[in-house]
Amino acid sequence: MIVHVLKTCDTCRKALTDLRASGHDPHVVDVRADGVARADLERFHAAFGDRLVNRRSTTWRGLSEEERAGDPLELLAAHPTLMKRPVIETDGTLHLGWDAKTKAAVLGG
């Protein structure tokens, strides 16, 4: 299991706490400190489309209209904190966010 997070993100911390409490030992990738490989960004974007870009983030609000209108993959490569998180990869399946649906799929509940 690989979990792409932002270590300062409350939702990501909650997801990691829940995953570890249920017996998982996730490999954690911090999108700010470690970055996100272009191939991973492409896979994530193929799976989630525009939902991958977090339009509620402080980073998004700081972008110009011109930047916001650009290619999402280029935007995410330049500003990895724009990625909605966490992105959880388990058994070849990708999950976005930490909502009830993702919890049920990943934790089996």
PDB file of N, CA and C in Angstrom:
ATOM      1  N   MET A   1       0.846  -1.180   0.000  1.00  0.00           N
ATOM      2  CA  MET A   1       0.000   0.000   0.000  1.00  0.00           C
ATOM      3  C   MET A   1       0.886   1.235   0.000  1.00  0.00           C
ATOM      4  N   ILE A   2       0.599   2.119  -0.939  1.00  0.00           N
ATOM      5  CA  ILE A   2       1.310   3.393  -1.037  1.00  0.00           C
ATOM      6  C   ILE A   2       0.303   4.505  -0.804  1.00  0.00           C
ATOM      7  N   VAL A   3       0.654   5.441   0.058  1.00  0.00           N
ATOM      8  CA  VAL A   3      -0.233   6.552   0.367  1.00  0.00           C
ATOM      9  C   VAL A   3       0.509   7.859   0.102  1.00  0.00           C
ATOM     10  N   HIS A   4      -0.019   8.628  -0.848  1.00  0.00           N
ATOM     11  CA  HIS A   4       0.540   9.953  -1.157  1.00  0.00           C
ATOM     12  C   HIS A   4      -0.189  10.970  -0.281  1.00  0.00           C
ATOM     13  N   VAL A   5       0.581  11.681   0.529  1.00  0.00           N
ATOM     14  CA  VAL A   5       0.004  12.601   1.508  1.00  0.00           C
ATOM     15  C   VAL A   5       0.755  13.929   1.510  1.00  0.00           C
ATOM     16  N   LEU A   6       0.209  14.863   2.230  1.00  0.00           N
ATOM     17  CA  LEU A   6       0.913  16.066   2.630  1.00  0.00           C
ATOM     18  C   LEU A   6       0.955  15.971   4.154  1.00  0.00           C
ATOM     19  N   LYS A   7       2.135  15.897   4.715  1.00  0.00           N
ATOM     20  CA  LYS A   7       2.249  15.613   6.149  1.00  0.00           C
ATOM     21  C   LYS A   7       1.566  16.639   7.041  1.00  0.00           C
ATOM     22  N   THR A   8       1.345  17.854   6.537  1.00  0.00           N
ATOM     23  CA  THR A   8       0.671  18.869   7.339  1.00  0.00           C
ATOM     24  C   THR A   8      -0.848  18.833   7.165  1.00  0.00           C
ATOM     25  N   CYS A   9      -1.358  17.926   6.356  1.00  0.00           N
ATOM     26  CA  CYS A   9      -2.790  17.827   6.065  1.00  0.00           C
ATOM     27  C   CYS A   9      -3.497  16.982   7.133  1.00  0.00           C
ATOM     28  N   ASP A  10      -4.495  17.561   7.780  1.00  0.00           N
ATOM     29  CA  ASP A  10      -5.234  16.846   8.824  1.00  0.00           C
ATOM     30  C   ASP A  10      -5.904  15.585   8.299  1.00  0.00           C
ATOM     31  N   THR A  11      -6.485  15.660   7.118  1.00  0.00           N
ATOM     32  CA  THR A  11      -7.156  14.491   6.536  1.00  0.00           C
ATOM     33  C   THR A  11      -6.151  13.374   6.283  1.00  0.00           C
ATOM     34  N   CYS A  12      -4.984  13.730   5.798  1.00  0.00           N
ATOM     35  CA  CYS A  12      -3.941  12.728   5.543  1.00  0.00           C
ATOM     36  C   CYS A  12      -3.476  12.082   6.845  1.00  0.00           C
ATOM     37  N   ARG A  13      -3.297  12.893   7.872  1.00  0.00           N
ATOM     38  CA  ARG A  13      -2.878  12.342   9.168  1.00  0.00           C
ATOM     39  C   ARG A  13      -3.940  11.395   9.712  1.00  0.00           C
ATOM     40  N   LYS A  14      -5.207  11.752   9.571  1.00  0.00           N
ATOM     41  CA  LYS A  14      -6.303  10.891  10.028  1.00  0.00           C
ATOM     42  C   LYS A  14      -6.303   9.581   9.245  1.00  0.00           C
ATOM     43  N   ALA A  15      -6.119   9.670   7.921  1.00  0.00           N
ATOM     44  CA  ALA A  15      -6.080   8.462   7.099  1.00  0.00           C
ATOM     45  C   ALA A  15      -4.948   7.534   7.538  1.00  0.00           C
ATOM     46  N   LEU A  16      -3.771   8.099   7.752  1.00  0.00           N
ATOM     47  CA  LEU A  16      -2.634   7.273   8.177  1.00  0.00           C
ATOM     48  C   LEU A  16      -2.870   6.648   9.548  1.00  0.00           C
ATOM     49  N   THR A  17      -3.452   7.414  10.456  1.00  0.00           N
ATOM     50  CA  THR A  17      -3.779   6.880  11.783  1.00  0.00           C
ATOM     51  C   THR A  17      -4.749   5.708  11.659  1.00  0.00           C
ATOM     52  N   ASP A  18      -5.805   5.886  10.866  1.00  0.00           N
ATOM     53  CA  ASP A  18      -6.804   4.825  10.682  1.00  0.00           C
ATOM     54  C   ASP A  18      -6.200   3.599  10.009  1.00  0.00           C
ATOM     55  N   LEU A  19      -5.378   3.825   8.995  1.00  0.00           N
ATOM     56  CA  LEU A  19      -4.753   2.705   8.288  1.00  0.00           C
ATOM     57  C   LEU A  19      -3.855   1.901   9.218  1.00  0.00           C
ATOM     58  N   ARG A  20      -3.037   2.602   9.979  1.00  0.00           N
ATOM     59  CA  ARG A  20      -2.127   1.914  10.899  1.00  0.00           C
ATOM     60  C   ARG A  20      -2.891   1.201  12.015  1.00  0.00           C
ATOM     61  N   ALA A  21      -3.965   1.830  12.502  1.00  0.00           N
ATOM     62  CA  ALA A  21      -4.773   1.216  13.564  1.00  0.00           C
ATOM     63  C   ALA A  21      -5.450  -0.068  13.083  1.00  0.00           C
ATOM     64  N   SER A  22      -5.689  -0.156  11.771  1.00  0.00           N
ATOM     65  CA  SER A  22      -6.338  -1.359  11.231  1.00  0.00           C
ATOM     66  C   SER A  22      -5.322  -2.401  10.770  1.00  0.00           C
ATOM     67  N   GLY A  23      -4.046  -2.171  11.087  1.00  0.00           N
ATOM     68  CA  GLY A  23      -3.022  -3.169  10.806  1.00  0.00           C
ATOM     69  C   GLY A  23      -2.235  -2.982   9.521  1.00  0.00           C
ATOM     70  N   HIS A  24      -2.494  -1.917   8.797  1.00  0.00           N
ATOM     71  CA  HIS A  24      -1.738  -1.646   7.571  1.00  0.00           C
ATOM     72  C   HIS A  24      -0.425  -0.949   7.907  1.00  0.00           C
ATOM     73  N   ASP A  25       0.568  -1.175   7.073  1.00  0.00           N
ATOM     74  CA  ASP A  25       1.857  -0.510   7.214  1.00  0.00           C
ATOM     75  C   ASP A  25       2.151   0.194   5.894  1.00  0.00           C
ATOM     76  N   PRO A  26       1.504   1.350   5.657  1.00  0.00           N
ATOM     77  CA  PRO A  26       1.623   2.003   4.357  1.00  0.00           C
ATOM     78  C   PRO A  26       3.002   2.610   4.110  1.00  0.00           C
ATOM     79  N   HIS A  27       3.404   2.558   2.849  1.00  0.00           N
ATOM     80  CA  HIS A  27       4.582   3.311   2.409  1.00  0.00           C
ATOM     81  C   HIS A  27       4.070   4.719   2.141  1.00  0.00           C
ATOM     82  N   VAL A  28       4.627   5.706   2.830  1.00  0.00           N
ATOM     83  CA  VAL A  28       4.132   7.081   2.755  1.00  0.00           C
ATOM     84  C   VAL A  28       5.023   7.910   1.837  1.00  0.00           C
ATOM     85  N   VAL A  29       4.383   8.613   0.902  1.00  0.00           N
ATOM     86  CA  VAL A  29       5.077   9.549   0.024  1.00  0.00           C
ATOM     87  C   VAL A  29       4.522  10.930   0.324  1.00  0.00           C
ATOM     88  N   ASP A  30       5.372  11.816   0.814  1.00  0.00           N
ATOM     89  CA  ASP A  30       4.958  13.198   1.080  1.00  0.00           C
ATOM     90  C   ASP A  30       5.092  13.973  -0.223  1.00  0.00           C
ATOM     91  N   VAL A  31       3.976  14.488  -0.726  1.00  0.00           N
ATOM     92  CA  VAL A  31       3.996  15.149  -2.034  1.00  0.00           C
ATOM     93  C   VAL A  31       4.871  16.395  -2.047  1.00  0.00           C
ATOM     94  N   ARG A  32       5.021  17.046  -0.916  1.00  0.00           N
ATOM     95  CA  ARG A  32       5.873  18.234  -0.867  1.00  0.00           C
ATOM     96  C   ARG A  32       7.347  17.840  -0.731  1.00  0.00           C
ATOM     97  N   ALA A  33       7.654  16.995   0.220  1.00  0.00           N
ATOM     98  CA  ALA A  33       9.046  16.636   0.492  1.00  0.00           C
ATOM     99  C   ALA A  33       9.618  15.673  -0.549  1.00  0.00           C
ATOM    100  N   ASP A  34       8.823  14.707  -0.967  1.00  0.00           N
ATOM    101  CA  ASP A  34       9.310  13.668  -1.875  1.00  0.00           C
ATOM    102  C   ASP A  34       8.972  13.930  -3.339  1.00  0.00           C
ATOM    103  N   GLY A  35       7.959  14.755  -3.568  1.00  0.00           N
ATOM    104  CA  GLY A  35       7.497  14.985  -4.931  1.00  0.00           C
ATOM    105  C   GLY A  35       6.645  13.819  -5.426  1.00  0.00           C
ATOM    106  N   VAL A  36       6.107  13.990  -6.614  1.00  0.00           N
ATOM    107  CA  VAL A  36       5.292  12.951  -7.232  1.00  0.00           C
ATOM    108  C   VAL A  36       5.830  12.721  -8.637  1.00  0.00           C
ATOM    109  N   ALA A  37       6.150  11.489  -8.939  1.00  0.00           N
ATOM    110  CA  ALA A  37       6.684  11.163 -10.261  1.00  0.00           C
ATOM    111  C   ALA A  37       5.659  11.503 -11.338  1.00  0.00           C
ATOM    112  N   ARG A  38       6.138  11.953 -12.483  1.00  0.00           N
ATOM    113  CA  ARG A  38       5.250  12.317 -13.592  1.00  0.00           C
ATOM    114  C   ARG A  38       4.357  11.133 -13.984  1.00  0.00           C
ATOM    115  N   ALA A  39       4.925   9.935 -13.997  1.00  0.00           N
ATOM    116  CA  ALA A  39       4.141   8.747 -14.352  1.00  0.00           C
ATOM    117  C   ALA A  39       2.998   8.536 -13.359  1.00  0.00           C
ATOM    118  N   ASP A  40       3.261   8.799 -12.078  1.00  0.00           N
ATOM    119  CA  ASP A  40       2.203   8.672 -11.067  1.00  0.00           C
ATOM    120  C   ASP A  40       1.140   9.734 -11.279  1.00  0.00           C
ATOM    121  N   LEU A  41       1.557  10.970 -11.536  1.00  0.00           N
ATOM    122  CA  LEU A  41       0.586  12.036 -11.805  1.00  0.00           C
ATOM    123  C   LEU A  41      -0.307  11.668 -12.988  1.00  0.00           C
ATOM    124  N   GLU A  42       0.289  11.100 -14.015  1.00  0.00           N
ATOM    125  CA  GLU A  42      -0.487  10.706 -15.194  1.00  0.00           C
ATOM    126  C   GLU A  42      -1.486   9.604 -14.853  1.00  0.00           C
ATOM    127  N   ARG A  43      -1.059   8.626 -14.066  1.00  0.00           N
ATOM    128  CA  ARG A  43      -1.982   7.548 -13.642  1.00  0.00           C
ATOM    129  C   ARG A  43      -3.117   8.105 -12.792  1.00  0.00           C
ATOM    130  N   PHE A  44      -2.760   8.977 -11.848  1.00  0.00           N
ATOM    131  CA  PHE A  44      -3.769   9.556 -10.967  1.00  0.00           C
ATOM    132  C   PHE A  44      -4.768  10.387 -11.767  1.00  0.00           C
ATOM    133  N   HIS A  45      -4.252  11.178 -12.703  1.00  0.00           N
ATOM    134  CA  HIS A  45      -5.137  12.023 -13.507  1.00  0.00           C
ATOM    135  C   HIS A  45      -6.031  11.167 -14.402  1.00  0.00           C
ATOM    136  N   ALA A  46      -5.491  10.079 -14.934  1.00  0.00           N
ATOM    137  CA  ALA A  46      -6.298   9.174 -15.759  1.00  0.00           C
ATOM    138  C   ALA A  46      -7.428   8.557 -14.936  1.00  0.00           C
ATOM    139  N   ALA A  47      -7.153   8.280 -13.674  1.00  0.00           N
ATOM    140  CA  ALA A  47      -8.158   7.654 -12.803  1.00  0.00           C
ATOM    141  C   ALA A  47      -9.184   8.653 -12.279  1.00  0.00           C
ATOM    142  N   PHE A  48      -8.752   9.860 -11.946  1.00  0.00           N
ATOM    143  CA  PHE A  48      -9.623  10.805 -11.246  1.00  0.00           C
ATOM    144  C   PHE A  48      -9.984  12.059 -12.032  1.00  0.00           C
ATOM    145  N   GLY A  49      -9.300  12.305 -13.131  1.00  0.00           N
ATOM    146  CA  GLY A  49      -9.596  13.492 -13.929  1.00  0.00           C
ATOM    147  C   GLY A  49      -9.398  14.771 -13.139  1.00  0.00           C
ATOM    148  N   ASP A  50     -10.293  15.722 -13.351  1.00  0.00           N
ATOM    149  CA  ASP A  50     -10.172  17.033 -12.713  1.00  0.00           C
ATOM    150  C   ASP A  50     -10.357  16.993 -11.199  1.00  0.00           C
ATOM    151  N   ARG A  51     -10.913  15.903 -10.680  1.00  0.00           N
ATOM    152  CA  ARG A  51     -11.058  15.793  -9.220  1.00  0.00           C
ATOM    153  C   ARG A  51      -9.704  15.762  -8.513  1.00  0.00           C
ATOM    154  N   LEU A  52      -8.640  15.438  -9.259  1.00  0.00           N
ATOM    155  CA  LEU A  52      -7.315  15.351  -8.660  1.00  0.00           C
ATOM    156  C   LEU A  52      -6.789  16.716  -8.215  1.00  0.00           C
ATOM    157  N   VAL A  53      -7.253  17.786  -8.847  1.00  0.00           N
ATOM    158  CA  VAL A  53      -6.802  19.138  -8.494  1.00  0.00           C
ATOM    159  C   VAL A  53      -7.699  19.678  -7.375  1.00  0.00           C
ATOM    160  N   ASN A  54      -7.071  20.026  -6.271  1.00  0.00           N
ATOM    161  CA  ASN A  54      -7.799  20.550  -5.107  1.00  0.00           C
ATOM    162  C   ASN A  54      -8.020  22.046  -5.281  1.00  0.00           C
ATOM    163  N   ARG A  55      -9.216  22.391  -5.705  1.00  0.00           N
ATOM    164  CA  ARG A  55      -9.534  23.795  -5.965  1.00  0.00           C
ATOM    165  C   ARG A  55      -9.920  24.566  -4.698  1.00  0.00           C
ATOM    166  N   ARG A  56      -9.841  23.923  -3.559  1.00  0.00           N
ATOM    167  CA  ARG A  56     -10.110  24.605  -2.290  1.00  0.00           C
ATOM    168  C   ARG A  56      -8.825  24.991  -1.565  1.00  0.00           C
ATOM    169  N   SER A  57      -7.701  24.578  -2.120  1.00  0.00           N
ATOM    170  CA  SER A  57      -6.429  24.764  -1.412  1.00  0.00           C
ATOM    171  C   SER A  57      -5.943  26.208  -1.445  1.00  0.00           C
ATOM    172  N   THR A  58      -5.106  26.517  -0.484  1.00  0.00           N
ATOM    173  CA  THR A  58      -4.471  27.826  -0.425  1.00  0.00           C
ATOM    174  C   THR A  58      -3.617  28.040  -1.672  1.00  0.00           C
ATOM    175  N   THR A  59      -2.959  27.002  -2.116  1.00  0.00           N
ATOM    176  CA  THR A  59      -2.125  27.107  -3.315  1.00  0.00           C
ATOM    177  C   THR A  59      -2.969  27.509  -4.517  1.00  0.00           C
ATOM    178  N   TRP A  60      -4.140  26.886  -4.680  1.00  0.00           N
ATOM    179  CA  TRP A  60      -5.033  27.205  -5.805  1.00  0.00           C
ATOM    180  C   TRP A  60      -5.459  28.669  -5.759  1.00  0.00           C
ATOM    181  N   ARG A  61      -5.824  29.128  -4.576  1.00  0.00           N
ATOM    182  CA  ARG A  61      -6.274  30.512  -4.439  1.00  0.00           C
ATOM    183  C   ARG A  61      -5.176  31.507  -4.773  1.00  0.00           C
ATOM    184  N   GLY A  62      -3.922  31.084  -4.640  1.00  0.00           N
ATOM    185  CA  GLY A  62      -2.803  31.964  -4.933  1.00  0.00           C
ATOM    186  C   GLY A  62      -2.403  31.996  -6.399  1.00  0.00           C
ATOM    187  N   LEU A  63      -3.019  31.153  -7.217  1.00  0.00           N
ATOM    188  CA  LEU A  63      -2.670  31.112  -8.635  1.00  0.00           C
ATOM    189  C   LEU A  63      -3.438  32.157  -9.436  1.00  0.00           C
ATOM    190  N   SER A  64      -2.830  32.597 -10.514  1.00  0.00           N
ATOM    191  CA  SER A  64      -3.517  33.525 -11.416  1.00  0.00           C
ATOM    192  C   SER A  64      -4.533  32.738 -12.251  1.00  0.00           C
ATOM    193  N   GLU A  65      -5.463  33.461 -12.856  1.00  0.00           N
ATOM    194  CA  GLU A  65      -6.452  32.810 -13.732  1.00  0.00           C
ATOM    195  C   GLU A  65      -5.757  32.089 -14.880  1.00  0.00           C
ATOM    196  N   GLU A  66      -4.689  32.683 -15.380  1.00  0.00           N
ATOM    197  CA  GLU A  66      -3.928  32.066 -16.469  1.00  0.00           C
ATOM    198  C   GLU A  66      -3.324  30.736 -16.028  1.00  0.00           C
ATOM    199  N   GLU A  67      -2.743  30.716 -14.833  1.00  0.00           N
ATOM    200  CA  GLU A  67      -2.162  29.468 -14.306  1.00  0.00           C
ATOM    201  C   GLU A  67      -3.251  28.415 -14.095  1.00  0.00           C
ATOM    202  N   ARG A  68      -4.374  28.821 -13.542  1.00  0.00           N
ATOM    203  CA  ARG A  68      -5.470  27.889 -13.285  1.00  0.00           C
ATOM    204  C   ARG A  68      -5.999  27.248 -14.561  1.00  0.00           C
ATOM    205  N   ALA A  69      -5.926  27.995 -15.667  1.00  0.00           N
ATOM    206  CA  ALA A  69      -6.441  27.506 -16.947  1.00  0.00           C
ATOM    207  C   ALA A  69      -5.459  26.572 -17.656  1.00  0.00           C
ATOM    208  N   GLY A  70      -4.258  26.423 -17.124  1.00  0.00           N
ATOM    209  CA  GLY A  70      -3.231  25.609 -17.767  1.00  0.00           C
ATOM    210  C   GLY A  70      -3.497  24.117 -17.656  1.00  0.00           C
ATOM    211  N   ASP A  71      -2.598  23.353 -18.232  1.00  0.00           N
ATOM    212  CA  ASP A  71      -2.669  21.897 -18.207  1.00  0.00           C
ATOM    213  C   ASP A  71      -2.597  21.394 -16.761  1.00  0.00           C
ATOM    214  N   PRO A  72      -3.564  20.589 -16.342  1.00  0.00           N
ATOM    215  CA  PRO A  72      -3.579  20.124 -14.945  1.00  0.00           C
ATOM    216  C   PRO A  72      -2.318  19.350 -14.545  1.00  0.00           C
ATOM    217  N   LEU A  73      -1.775  18.546 -15.460  1.00  0.00           N
ATOM    218  CA  LEU A  73      -0.575  17.787 -15.112  1.00  0.00           C
ATOM    219  C   LEU A  73       0.632  18.701 -14.911  1.00  0.00           C
ATOM    220  N   GLU A  74       0.742  19.738 -15.735  1.00  0.00           N
ATOM    221  CA  GLU A  74       1.833  20.698 -15.568  1.00  0.00           C
ATOM    222  C   GLU A  74       1.659  21.465 -14.261  1.00  0.00           C
ATOM    223  N   LEU A  75       0.430  21.812 -13.957  1.00  0.00           N
ATOM    224  CA  LEU A  75       0.120  22.527 -12.724  1.00  0.00           C
ATOM    225  C   LEU A  75       0.472  21.681 -11.501  1.00  0.00           C
ATOM    226  N   LEU A  76       0.087  20.399 -11.529  1.00  0.00           N
ATOM    227  CA  LEU A  76       0.381  19.501 -10.414  1.00  0.00           C
ATOM    228  C   LEU A  76       1.877  19.216 -10.294  1.00  0.00           C
ATOM    229  N   ALA A  77       2.563  19.146 -11.430  1.00  0.00           N
ATOM    230  CA  ALA A  77       4.011  18.925 -11.393  1.00  0.00           C
ATOM    231  C   ALA A  77       4.715  20.128 -10.762  1.00  0.00           C
ATOM    232  N   ALA A  78       4.243  21.327 -11.086  1.00  0.00           N
ATOM    233  CA  ALA A  78       4.843  22.546 -10.549  1.00  0.00           C
ATOM    234  C   ALA A  78       4.437  22.808  -9.100  1.00  0.00           C
ATOM    235  N   HIS A  79       3.225  22.403  -8.743  1.00  0.00           N
ATOM    236  CA  HIS A  79       2.670  22.660  -7.404  1.00  0.00           C
ATOM    237  C   HIS A  79       2.051  21.370  -6.860  1.00  0.00           C
ATOM    238  N   PRO A  80       2.869  20.417  -6.373  1.00  0.00           N
ATOM    239  CA  PRO A  80       2.323  19.126  -5.929  1.00  0.00           C
ATOM    240  C   PRO A  80       1.311  19.238  -4.788  1.00  0.00           C
ATOM    241  N   THR A  81       1.339  20.340  -4.039  1.00  0.00           N
ATOM    242  CA  THR A  81       0.368  20.495  -2.947  1.00  0.00           C
ATOM    243  C   THR A  81      -1.037  20.770  -3.474  1.00  0.00           C
ATOM    244  N   LEU A  82      -1.183  20.998  -4.780  1.00  0.00           N
ATOM    245  CA  LEU A  82      -2.503  21.164  -5.387  1.00  0.00           C
ATOM    246  C   LEU A  82      -3.247  19.836  -5.519  1.00  0.00           C
ATOM    247  N   MET A  83      -2.526  18.742  -5.369  1.00  0.00           N
ATOM    248  CA  MET A  83      -3.153  17.435  -5.532  1.00  0.00           C
ATOM    249  C   MET A  83      -4.079  17.142  -4.352  1.00  0.00           C
ATOM    250  N   LYS A  84      -5.292  16.723  -4.669  1.00  0.00           N
ATOM    251  CA  LYS A  84      -6.201  16.300  -3.608  1.00  0.00           C
ATOM    252  C   LYS A  84      -5.591  15.079  -2.952  1.00  0.00           C
ATOM    253  N   ARG A  85      -5.745  14.985  -1.644  1.00  0.00           N
ATOM    254  CA  ARG A  85      -5.079  13.939  -0.899  1.00  0.00           C
ATOM    255  C   ARG A  85      -6.009  13.328   0.136  1.00  0.00           C
ATOM    256  N   PRO A  86      -5.640  12.177   0.625  1.00  0.00           N
ATOM    257  CA  PRO A  86      -4.559  11.311   0.166  1.00  0.00           C
ATOM    258  C   PRO A  86      -4.937  10.560  -1.111  1.00  0.00           C
ATOM    259  N   VAL A  87      -3.931  10.125  -1.835  1.00  0.00           N
ATOM    260  CA  VAL A  87      -4.126   9.174  -2.922  1.00  0.00           C
ATOM    261  C   VAL A  87      -3.570   7.858  -2.402  1.00  0.00           C
ATOM    262  N   ILE A  88      -4.431   6.864  -2.349  1.00  0.00           N
ATOM    263  CA  ILE A  88      -4.065   5.573  -1.783  1.00  0.00           C
ATOM    264  C   ILE A  88      -4.066   4.531  -2.892  1.00  0.00           C
ATOM    265  N   GLU A  89      -2.950   3.836  -3.009  1.00  0.00           N
ATOM    266  CA  GLU A  89      -2.851   2.751  -3.985  1.00  0.00           C
ATOM    267  C   GLU A  89      -2.714   1.440  -3.235  1.00  0.00           C
ATOM    268  N   THR A  90      -3.659   0.563  -3.463  1.00  0.00           N
ATOM    269  CA  THR A  90      -3.632  -0.731  -2.816  1.00  0.00           C
ATOM    270  C   THR A  90      -4.089  -1.795  -3.799  1.00  0.00           C
ATOM    271  N   ASP A  91      -3.278  -2.812  -3.954  1.00  0.00           N
ATOM    272  CA  ASP A  91      -3.574  -3.920  -4.876  1.00  0.00           C
ATOM    273  C   ASP A  91      -3.926  -3.424  -6.275  1.00  0.00           C
ATOM    274  N   GLY A  92      -3.211  -2.420  -6.754  1.00  0.00           N
ATOM    275  CA  GLY A  92      -3.432  -1.909  -8.093  1.00  0.00           C
ATOM    276  C   GLY A  92      -4.630  -0.998  -8.254  1.00  0.00           C
ATOM    277  N   THR A  93      -5.344  -0.719  -7.178  1.00  0.00           N
ATOM    278  CA  THR A  93      -6.508   0.156  -7.217  1.00  0.00           C
ATOM    279  C   THR A  93      -6.162   1.495  -6.578  1.00  0.00           C
ATOM    280  N   LEU A  94      -6.623   2.569  -7.201  1.00  0.00           N
ATOM    281  CA  LEU A  94      -6.380   3.917  -6.676  1.00  0.00           C
ATOM    282  C   LEU A  94      -7.630   4.454  -5.996  1.00  0.00           C
ATOM    283  N   HIS A  95      -7.428   5.138  -4.880  1.00  0.00           N
ATOM    284  CA  HIS A  95      -8.512   5.777  -4.130  1.00  0.00           C
ATOM    285  C   HIS A  95      -8.099   7.217  -3.864  1.00  0.00           C
ATOM    286  N   LEU A  96      -9.076   8.124  -3.913  1.00  0.00           N
ATOM    287  CA  LEU A  96      -8.799   9.541  -3.708  1.00  0.00           C
ATOM    288  C   LEU A  96      -9.588  10.062  -2.518  1.00  0.00           C
ATOM    289  N   GLY A  97      -8.885  10.727  -1.599  1.00  0.00           N
ATOM    290  CA  GLY A  97      -9.543  11.300  -0.430  1.00  0.00           C
ATOM    291  C   GLY A  97      -9.693  10.282   0.680  1.00  0.00           C
ATOM    292  N   TRP A  98     -10.348  10.715   1.743  1.00  0.00           N
ATOM    293  CA  TRP A  98     -10.561   9.838   2.904  1.00  0.00           C
ATOM    294  C   TRP A  98     -11.999  10.018   3.372  1.00  0.00           C
ATOM    295  N   ASP A  99     -12.917   9.565   2.532  1.00  0.00           N
ATOM    296  CA  ASP A  99     -14.339   9.642   2.857  1.00  0.00           C
ATOM    297  C   ASP A  99     -14.841   8.232   3.205  1.00  0.00           C
ATOM    298  N   ALA A 100     -16.121   8.119   3.489  1.00  0.00           N
ATOM    299  CA  ALA A 100     -16.698   6.838   3.903  1.00  0.00           C
ATOM    300  C   ALA A 100     -16.490   5.751   2.846  1.00  0.00           C
ATOM    301  N   LYS A 101     -16.618   6.111   1.585  1.00  0.00           N
ATOM    302  CA  LYS A 101     -16.455   5.142   0.492  1.00  0.00           C
ATOM    303  C   LYS A 101     -15.027   4.611   0.452  1.00  0.00           C
ATOM    304  N   THR A 102     -14.056   5.505   0.571  1.00  0.00           N
ATOM    305  CA  THR A 102     -12.651   5.092   0.553  1.00  0.00           C
ATOM    306  C   THR A 102     -12.327   4.254   1.789  1.00  0.00           C
ATOM    307  N   LYS A 103     -12.810   4.684   2.946  1.00  0.00           N
ATOM    308  CA  LYS A 103     -12.566   3.923   4.169  1.00  0.00           C
ATOM    309  C   LYS A 103     -13.107   2.507   4.043  1.00  0.00           C
ATOM    310  N   ALA A 104     -14.332   2.370   3.517  1.00  0.00           N
ATOM    311  CA  ALA A 104     -14.922   1.046   3.361  1.00  0.00           C
ATOM    312  C   ALA A 104     -14.112   0.179   2.401  1.00  0.00           C
ATOM    313  N   ALA A 105     -13.654   0.780   1.305  1.00  0.00           N
ATOM    314  CA  ALA A 105     -12.893   0.034   0.313  1.00  0.00           C
ATOM    315  C   ALA A 105     -11.525  -0.399   0.844  1.00  0.00           C
ATOM    316  N   VAL A 106     -10.879   0.487   1.578  1.00  0.00           N
ATOM    317  CA  VAL A 106      -9.509   0.216   2.022  1.00  0.00           C
ATOM    318  C   VAL A 106      -9.467  -0.539   3.351  1.00  0.00           C
ATOM    319  N   LEU A 107     -10.360  -0.188   4.251  1.00  0.00           N
ATOM    320  CA  LEU A 107     -10.359  -0.809   5.572  1.00  0.00           C
ATOM    321  C   LEU A 107     -11.290  -2.015   5.648  1.00  0.00           C
ATOM    322  N   GLY A 108     -12.150  -2.148   4.640  1.00  0.00           N
ATOM    323  CA  GLY A 108     -13.065  -3.285   4.618  1.00  0.00           C
ATOM    324  C   GLY A 108     -14.189  -3.163   5.612  1.00  0.00           C
ATOM    325  N   GLY A 109     -14.810  -2.014   5.696  1.00  0.00           N
ATOM    326  CA  GLY A 109     -15.872  -1.868   6.669  1.00  0.00           C
ATOM    327  C   GLY A 109     -17.021  -1.238   6.053  1.00  0.00           C
TER     328      GLY A 109
END
